[in-house]
Amino acid sequence: MPNILVRDLPDDVHAALLRRAERAGQSLQQFLTAELNRLARRPTVEEVLDRIEARHGGVVGLDRATSDLAEERASR
């Protein structure tokens, strides 16, 4: 499995992440792995708009686009 090394992480950021991991009853590695998985699964706005474009042939009004985006966010 691949590894990630983060250099020059500010001390306060490291401390905040460590506190969150402790509150979740996880090691820092477990916590960060879960957070990175969550981040990777979450589509970007561009990805959502691409899906909308593919679904509707690229012609979508602003009202429809915003409602589709709200639906996508609510499904998470």
PDB file of N, CA and C in Angstrom:
ATOM      1  N   MET A   1       0.845  -1.174   0.000  1.00  0.00           N
ATOM      2  CA  MET A   1       0.000   0.000   0.000  1.00  0.00           C
ATOM      3  C   MET A   1       0.892   1.239   0.000  1.00  0.00           C
ATOM      4  N   PRO A   2       0.543   2.269  -0.761  1.00  0.00           N
ATOM      5  CA  PRO A   2       1.374   3.470  -0.836  1.00  0.00           C
ATOM      6  C   PRO A   2       1.419   4.226   0.492  1.00  0.00           C
ATOM      7  N   ASN A   3       2.465   4.997   0.650  1.00  0.00           N
ATOM      8  CA  ASN A   3       2.634   5.857   1.815  1.00  0.00           C
ATOM      9  C   ASN A   3       2.701   7.305   1.365  1.00  0.00           C
ATOM     10  N   ILE A   4       2.336   8.202   2.270  1.00  0.00           N
ATOM     11  CA  ILE A   4       2.432   9.636   2.005  1.00  0.00           C
ATOM     12  C   ILE A   4       3.254  10.253   3.124  1.00  0.00           C
ATOM     13  N   LEU A   5       4.200  11.100   2.756  1.00  0.00           N
ATOM     14  CA  LEU A   5       5.006  11.825   3.724  1.00  0.00           C
ATOM     15  C   LEU A   5       4.674  13.299   3.574  1.00  0.00           C
ATOM     16  N   VAL A   6       4.300  13.933   4.668  1.00  0.00           N
ATOM     17  CA  VAL A   6       3.989  15.360   4.639  1.00  0.00           C
ATOM     18  C   VAL A   6       5.102  16.084   5.373  1.00  0.00           C
ATOM     19  N   ARG A   7       5.805  16.942   4.662  1.00  0.00           N
ATOM     20  CA  ARG A   7       6.915  17.692   5.256  1.00  0.00           C
ATOM     21  C   ARG A   7       6.448  19.096   5.642  1.00  0.00           C
ATOM     22  N   ASP A   8       7.126  19.645   6.616  1.00  0.00           N
ATOM     23  CA  ASP A   8       6.921  21.034   7.031  1.00  0.00           C
ATOM     24  C   ASP A   8       5.496  21.332   7.489  1.00  0.00           C
ATOM     25  N   LEU A   9       4.877  20.378   8.134  1.00  0.00           N
ATOM     26  CA  LEU A   9       3.549  20.586   8.696  1.00  0.00           C
ATOM     27  C   LEU A   9       3.692  21.465   9.935  1.00  0.00           C
ATOM     28  N   PRO A  10       2.978  22.556  10.012  1.00  0.00           N
ATOM     29  CA  PRO A  10       3.092  23.424  11.188  1.00  0.00           C
ATOM     30  C   PRO A  10       2.720  22.666  12.476  1.00  0.00           C
ATOM     31  N   ASP A  11       3.403  23.007  13.560  1.00  0.00           N
ATOM     32  CA  ASP A  11       3.178  22.328  14.835  1.00  0.00           C
ATOM     33  C   ASP A  11       1.729  22.417  15.294  1.00  0.00           C
ATOM     34  N   ASP A  12       1.099  23.587  15.099  1.00  0.00           N
ATOM     35  CA  ASP A  12      -0.281  23.738  15.553  1.00  0.00           C
ATOM     36  C   ASP A  12      -1.242  22.870  14.755  1.00  0.00           C
ATOM     37  N   VAL A  13      -0.967  22.667  13.480  1.00  0.00           N
ATOM     38  CA  VAL A  13      -1.798  21.797  12.651  1.00  0.00           C
ATOM     39  C   VAL A  13      -1.639  20.351  13.106  1.00  0.00           C
ATOM     40  N   HIS A  14      -0.403  19.939  13.348  1.00  0.00           N
ATOM     41  CA  HIS A  14      -0.148  18.580  13.829  1.00  0.00           C
ATOM     42  C   HIS A  14      -0.863  18.352  15.161  1.00  0.00           C
ATOM     43  N   ALA A  15      -0.775  19.313  16.058  1.00  0.00           N
ATOM     44  CA  ALA A  15      -1.409  19.184  17.370  1.00  0.00           C
ATOM     45  C   ALA A  15      -2.934  19.085  17.237  1.00  0.00           C
ATOM     46  N   ALA A  16      -3.514  19.884  16.354  1.00  0.00           N
ATOM     47  CA  ALA A  16      -4.969  19.851  16.158  1.00  0.00           C
ATOM     48  C   ALA A  16      -5.405  18.497  15.605  1.00  0.00           C
ATOM     49  N   LEU A  17      -4.662  17.982  14.636  1.00  0.00           N
ATOM     50  CA  LEU A  17      -4.998  16.674  14.061  1.00  0.00           C
ATOM     51  C   LEU A  17      -4.833  15.568  15.098  1.00  0.00           C
ATOM     52  N   LEU A  18      -3.808  15.663  15.899  1.00  0.00           N
ATOM     53  CA  LEU A  18      -3.587  14.675  16.948  1.00  0.00           C
ATOM     54  C   LEU A  18      -4.718  14.693  17.970  1.00  0.00           C
ATOM     55  N   ARG A  19      -5.182  15.884  18.354  1.00  0.00           N
ATOM     56  CA  ARG A  19      -6.322  15.989  19.277  1.00  0.00           C
ATOM     57  C   ARG A  19      -7.578  15.370  18.678  1.00  0.00           C
ATOM     58  N   ARG A  20      -7.822  15.635  17.411  1.00  0.00           N
ATOM     59  CA  ARG A  20      -9.007  15.063  16.759  1.00  0.00           C
ATOM     60  C   ARG A  20      -8.929  13.543  16.703  1.00  0.00           C
ATOM     61  N   ALA A  21      -7.748  13.035  16.422  1.00  0.00           N
ATOM     62  CA  ALA A  21      -7.562  11.580  16.384  1.00  0.00           C
ATOM     63  C   ALA A  21      -7.821  10.982  17.762  1.00  0.00           C
ATOM     64  N   GLU A  22      -7.286  11.618  18.790  1.00  0.00           N
ATOM     65  CA  GLU A  22      -7.483  11.123  20.151  1.00  0.00           C
ATOM     66  C   GLU A  22      -8.954  11.136  20.529  1.00  0.00           C
ATOM     67  N   ARG A  23      -9.659  12.207  20.176  1.00  0.00           N
ATOM     68  CA  ARG A  23     -11.101  12.287  20.458  1.00  0.00           C
ATOM     69  C   ARG A  23     -11.882  11.200  19.733  1.00  0.00           C
ATOM     70  N   ALA A  24     -11.395  10.818  18.573  1.00  0.00           N
ATOM     71  CA  ALA A  24     -12.067   9.762  17.789  1.00  0.00           C
ATOM     72  C   ALA A  24     -11.618   8.369  18.232  1.00  0.00           C
ATOM     73  N   GLY A  25     -10.695   8.308  19.201  1.00  0.00           N
ATOM     74  CA  GLY A  25     -10.204   7.013  19.667  1.00  0.00           C
ATOM     75  C   GLY A  25      -9.347   6.303  18.634  1.00  0.00           C
ATOM     76  N   GLN A  26      -8.637   7.086  17.839  1.00  0.00           N
ATOM     77  CA  GLN A  26      -7.825   6.527  16.761  1.00  0.00           C
ATOM     78  C   GLN A  26      -6.394   7.024  16.888  1.00  0.00           C
ATOM     79  N   SER A  27      -5.496   6.283  16.257  1.00  0.00           N
ATOM     80  CA  SER A  27      -4.137   6.793  16.110  1.00  0.00           C
ATOM     81  C   SER A  27      -4.189   7.903  15.058  1.00  0.00           C
ATOM     82  N   LEU A  28      -3.144   8.700  15.023  1.00  0.00           N
ATOM     83  CA  LEU A  28      -3.093   9.754  14.014  1.00  0.00           C
ATOM     84  C   LEU A  28      -3.134   9.150  12.613  1.00  0.00           C
ATOM     85  N   GLN A  29      -2.449   8.044  12.413  1.00  0.00           N
ATOM     86  CA  GLN A  29      -2.453   7.391  11.102  1.00  0.00           C
ATOM     87  C   GLN A  29      -3.854   6.918  10.724  1.00  0.00           C
ATOM     88  N   GLN A  30      -4.562   6.293  11.653  1.00  0.00           N
ATOM     89  CA  GLN A  30      -5.922   5.833  11.374  1.00  0.00           C
ATOM     90  C   GLN A  30      -6.834   7.012  11.040  1.00  0.00           C
ATOM     91  N   PHE A  31      -6.717   8.070  11.833  1.00  0.00           N
ATOM     92  CA  PHE A  31      -7.544   9.255  11.621  1.00  0.00           C
ATOM     93  C   PHE A  31      -7.283   9.870  10.249  1.00  0.00           C
ATOM     94  N   LEU A  32      -6.004  10.066   9.922  1.00  0.00           N
ATOM     95  CA  LEU A  32      -5.670  10.684   8.643  1.00  0.00           C
ATOM     96  C   LEU A  32      -6.052   9.793   7.465  1.00  0.00           C
ATOM     97  N   THR A  33      -5.913   8.490   7.618  1.00  0.00           N
ATOM     98  CA  THR A  33      -6.325   7.569   6.551  1.00  0.00           C
ATOM     99  C   THR A  33      -7.821   7.706   6.296  1.00  0.00           C
ATOM    100  N   ALA A  34      -8.612   7.752   7.365  1.00  0.00           N
ATOM    101  CA  ALA A  34     -10.064   7.902   7.215  1.00  0.00           C
ATOM    102  C   ALA A  34     -10.407   9.244   6.576  1.00  0.00           C
ATOM    103  N   GLU A  35      -9.733  10.310   7.009  1.00  0.00           N
ATOM    104  CA  GLU A  35     -10.009  11.631   6.442  1.00  0.00           C
ATOM    105  C   GLU A  35      -9.617  11.714   4.967  1.00  0.00           C
ATOM    106  N   LEU A  36      -8.487  11.126   4.613  1.00  0.00           N
ATOM    107  CA  LEU A  36      -8.070  11.130   3.209  1.00  0.00           C
ATOM    108  C   LEU A  36      -9.014  10.299   2.351  1.00  0.00           C
ATOM    109  N   ASN A  37      -9.501   9.187   2.881  1.00  0.00           N
ATOM    110  CA  ASN A  37     -10.500   8.386   2.158  1.00  0.00           C
ATOM    111  C   ASN A  37     -11.769   9.193   1.924  1.00  0.00           C
ATOM    112  N   ARG A  38     -12.223   9.903   2.961  1.00  0.00           N
ATOM    113  CA  ARG A  38     -13.429  10.728   2.848  1.00  0.00           C
ATOM    114  C   ARG A  38     -13.218  11.822   1.807  1.00  0.00           C
ATOM    115  N   LEU A  39     -12.069  12.460   1.844  1.00  0.00           N
ATOM    116  CA  LEU A  39     -11.763  13.522   0.894  1.00  0.00           C
ATOM    117  C   LEU A  39     -11.719  13.003  -0.542  1.00  0.00           C
ATOM    118  N   ALA A  40     -11.114  11.835  -0.733  1.00  0.00           N
ATOM    119  CA  ALA A  40     -10.996  11.267  -2.082  1.00  0.00           C
ATOM    120  C   ALA A  40     -12.344  10.836  -2.641  1.00  0.00           C
ATOM    121  N   ARG A  41     -13.265  10.396  -1.777  1.00  0.00           N
ATOM    122  CA  ARG A  41     -14.586   9.962  -2.244  1.00  0.00           C
ATOM    123  C   ARG A  41     -15.503  11.130  -2.568  1.00  0.00           C
ATOM    124  N   ARG A  42     -15.224  12.278  -1.984  1.00  0.00           N
ATOM    125  CA  ARG A  42     -16.085  13.450  -2.184  1.00  0.00           C
ATOM    126  C   ARG A  42     -15.793  14.059  -3.549  1.00  0.00           C
ATOM    127  N   PRO A  43     -16.795  14.150  -4.406  1.00  0.00           N
ATOM    128  CA  PRO A  43     -16.540  14.713  -5.735  1.00  0.00           C
ATOM    129  C   PRO A  43     -16.285  16.219  -5.651  1.00  0.00           C
ATOM    130  N   THR A  44     -15.463  16.696  -6.549  1.00  0.00           N
ATOM    131  CA  THR A  44     -15.233  18.134  -6.643  1.00  0.00           C
ATOM    132  C   THR A  44     -16.430  18.767  -7.334  1.00  0.00           C
ATOM    133  N   VAL A  45     -16.535  20.075  -7.232  1.00  0.00           N
ATOM    134  CA  VAL A  45     -17.614  20.786  -7.928  1.00  0.00           C
ATOM    135  C   VAL A  45     -17.497  20.527  -9.428  1.00  0.00           C
ATOM    136  N   GLU A  46     -16.269  20.517  -9.938  1.00  0.00           N
ATOM    137  CA  GLU A  46     -16.065  20.257 -11.370  1.00  0.00           C
ATOM    138  C   GLU A  46     -16.586  18.872 -11.754  1.00  0.00           C
ATOM    139  N   GLU A  47     -16.332  17.868 -10.918  1.00  0.00           N
ATOM    140  CA  GLU A  47     -16.817  16.510 -11.202  1.00  0.00           C
ATOM    141  C   GLU A  47     -18.339  16.450 -11.181  1.00  0.00           C
ATOM    142  N   VAL A  48     -18.946  17.141 -10.242  1.00  0.00           N
ATOM    143  CA  VAL A  48     -20.410  17.170 -10.167  1.00  0.00           C
ATOM    144  C   VAL A  48     -20.971  17.846 -11.409  1.00  0.00           C
ATOM    145  N   LEU A  49     -20.386  18.962 -11.798  1.00  0.00           N
ATOM    146  CA  LEU A  49     -20.863  19.669 -12.989  1.00  0.00           C
ATOM    147  C   LEU A  49     -20.664  18.826 -14.247  1.00  0.00           C
ATOM    148  N   ASP A  50     -19.568  18.069 -14.308  1.00  0.00           N
ATOM    149  CA  ASP A  50     -19.354  17.166 -15.444  1.00  0.00           C
ATOM    150  C   ASP A  50     -20.450  16.111 -15.505  1.00  0.00           C
ATOM    151  N   ARG A  51     -20.812  15.561 -14.335  1.00  0.00           N
ATOM    152  CA  ARG A  51     -21.904  14.570 -14.304  1.00  0.00           C
ATOM    153  C   ARG A  51     -23.212  15.188 -14.760  1.00  0.00           C
ATOM    154  N   ILE A  52     -23.474  16.403 -14.305  1.00  0.00           N
ATOM    155  CA  ILE A  52     -24.707  17.090 -14.696  1.00  0.00           C
ATOM    156  C   ILE A  52     -24.721  17.327 -16.201  1.00  0.00           C
ATOM    157  N   GLU A  53     -23.582  17.765 -16.722  1.00  0.00           N
ATOM    158  CA  GLU A  53     -23.486  18.020 -18.165  1.00  0.00           C
ATOM    159  C   GLU A  53     -23.725  16.742 -18.962  1.00  0.00           C
ATOM    160  N   ALA A  54     -23.147  15.653 -18.511  1.00  0.00           N
ATOM    161  CA  ALA A  54     -23.321  14.383 -19.212  1.00  0.00           C
ATOM    162  C   ALA A  54     -24.774  13.917 -19.151  1.00  0.00           C
ATOM    163  N   ARG A  55     -25.412  14.154 -18.038  1.00  0.00           N
ATOM    164  CA  ARG A  55     -26.791  13.725 -17.848  1.00  0.00           C
ATOM    165  C   ARG A  55     -27.766  14.533 -18.695  1.00  0.00           C
ATOM    166  N   HIS A  56     -27.456  15.815 -18.874  1.00  0.00           N
ATOM    167  CA  HIS A  56     -28.407  16.698 -19.529  1.00  0.00           C
ATOM    168  C   HIS A  56     -27.892  17.269 -20.845  1.00  0.00           C
ATOM    169  N   GLY A  57     -26.853  16.674 -21.388  1.00  0.00           N
ATOM    170  CA  GLY A  57     -26.336  17.119 -22.677  1.00  0.00           C
ATOM    171  C   GLY A  57     -25.666  18.478 -22.645  1.00  0.00           C
ATOM    172  N   GLY A  58     -25.331  18.982 -21.489  1.00  0.00           N
ATOM    173  CA  GLY A  58     -24.604  20.234 -21.394  1.00  0.00           C
ATOM    174  C   GLY A  58     -25.454  21.475 -21.387  1.00  0.00           C
ATOM    175  N   VAL A  59     -26.771  21.341 -21.462  1.00  0.00           N
ATOM    176  CA  VAL A  59     -27.634  22.508 -21.445  1.00  0.00           C
ATOM    177  C   VAL A  59     -28.447  22.469 -20.155  1.00  0.00           C
ATOM    178  N   VAL A  60     -27.962  23.206 -19.167  1.00  0.00           N
ATOM    179  CA  VAL A  60     -28.607  23.202 -17.861  1.00  0.00           C
ATOM    180  C   VAL A  60     -28.720  24.644 -17.385  1.00  0.00           C
ATOM    181  N   GLY A  61     -29.893  25.007 -16.951  1.00  0.00           N
ATOM    182  CA  GLY A  61     -30.066  26.338 -16.387  1.00  0.00           C
ATOM    183  C   GLY A  61     -29.465  26.411 -14.994  1.00  0.00           C
ATOM    184  N   LEU A  62     -29.269  27.620 -14.522  1.00  0.00           N
ATOM    185  CA  LEU A  62     -28.670  27.822 -13.213  1.00  0.00           C
ATOM    186  C   LEU A  62     -29.520  27.196 -12.110  1.00  0.00           C
ATOM    187  N   ASP A  63     -30.832  27.356 -12.170  1.00  0.00           N
ATOM    188  CA  ASP A  63     -31.697  26.779 -11.137  1.00  0.00           C
ATOM    189  C   ASP A  63     -31.556  25.265 -11.090  1.00  0.00           C
ATOM    190  N   ARG A  64     -31.550  24.635 -12.243  1.00  0.00           N
ATOM    191  CA  ARG A  64     -31.421  23.172 -12.290  1.00  0.00           C
ATOM    192  C   ARG A  64     -30.042  22.723 -11.799  1.00  0.00           C
ATOM    193  N   ALA A  65     -29.012  23.439 -12.194  1.00  0.00           N
ATOM    194  CA  ALA A  65     -27.657  23.078 -11.768  1.00  0.00           C
ATOM    195  C   ALA A  65     -27.519  23.182 -10.254  1.00  0.00           C
ATOM    196  N   THR A  66     -28.061  24.244  -9.675  1.00  0.00           N
ATOM    197  CA  THR A  66     -27.946  24.393  -8.223  1.00  0.00           C
ATOM    198  C   THR A  66     -28.779  23.356  -7.490  1.00  0.00           C
ATOM    199  N   SER A  67     -29.939  23.007  -8.022  1.00  0.00           N
ATOM    200  CA  SER A  67     -30.745  21.969  -7.359  1.00  0.00           C
ATOM    201  C   SER A  67     -30.083  20.601  -7.495  1.00  0.00           C
ATOM    202  N   ASP A  68     -29.490  20.303  -8.643  1.00  0.00           N
ATOM    203  CA  ASP A  68     -28.772  19.038  -8.811  1.00  0.00           C
ATOM    204  C   ASP A  68     -27.572  18.963  -7.866  1.00  0.00           C
ATOM    205  N   LEU A  69     -26.873  20.068  -7.723  1.00  0.00           N
ATOM    206  CA  LEU A  69     -25.729  20.104  -6.816  1.00  0.00           C
ATOM    207  C   LEU A  69     -26.179  19.897  -5.377  1.00  0.00           C
ATOM    208  N   ALA A  70     -27.287  20.511  -4.991  1.00  0.00           N
ATOM    209  CA  ALA A  70     -27.821  20.331  -3.636  1.00  0.00           C
ATOM    210  C   ALA A  70     -28.219  18.873  -3.404  1.00  0.00           C
ATOM    211  N   GLU A  71     -28.836  18.255  -4.392  1.00  0.00           N
ATOM    212  CA  GLU A  71     -29.192  16.829  -4.289  1.00  0.00           C
ATOM    213  C   GLU A  71     -27.950  15.960  -4.121  1.00  0.00           C
ATOM    214  N   GLU A  72     -26.925  16.238  -4.884  1.00  0.00           N
ATOM    215  CA  GLU A  72     -25.677  15.482  -4.806  1.00  0.00           C
ATOM    216  C   GLU A  72     -25.067  15.595  -3.417  1.00  0.00           C
ATOM    217  N   ARG A  73     -25.043  16.802  -2.887  1.00  0.00           N
ATOM    218  CA  ARG A  73     -24.486  17.013  -1.548  1.00  0.00           C
ATOM    219  C   ARG A  73     -25.332  16.320  -0.481  1.00  0.00           C
ATOM    220  N   ALA A  74     -26.629  16.351  -0.636  1.00  0.00           N
ATOM    221  CA  ALA A  74     -27.523  15.723   0.346  1.00  0.00           C
ATOM    222  C   ALA A  74     -27.400  14.202   0.345  1.00  0.00           C
ATOM    223  N   SER A  75     -26.975  13.628  -0.766  1.00  0.00           N
ATOM    224  CA  SER A  75     -26.870  12.176  -0.860  1.00  0.00           C
ATOM    225  C   SER A  75     -25.641  11.641  -0.158  1.00  0.00           C
ATOM    226  N   ARG A  76     -24.746  12.504   0.290  1.00  0.00           N
ATOM    227  CA  ARG A  76     -23.523  12.060   0.973  1.00  0.00           C
ATOM    228  C   ARG A  76     -23.745  11.806   2.415  1.00  0.00           C
TER     229      ARG A  76
END
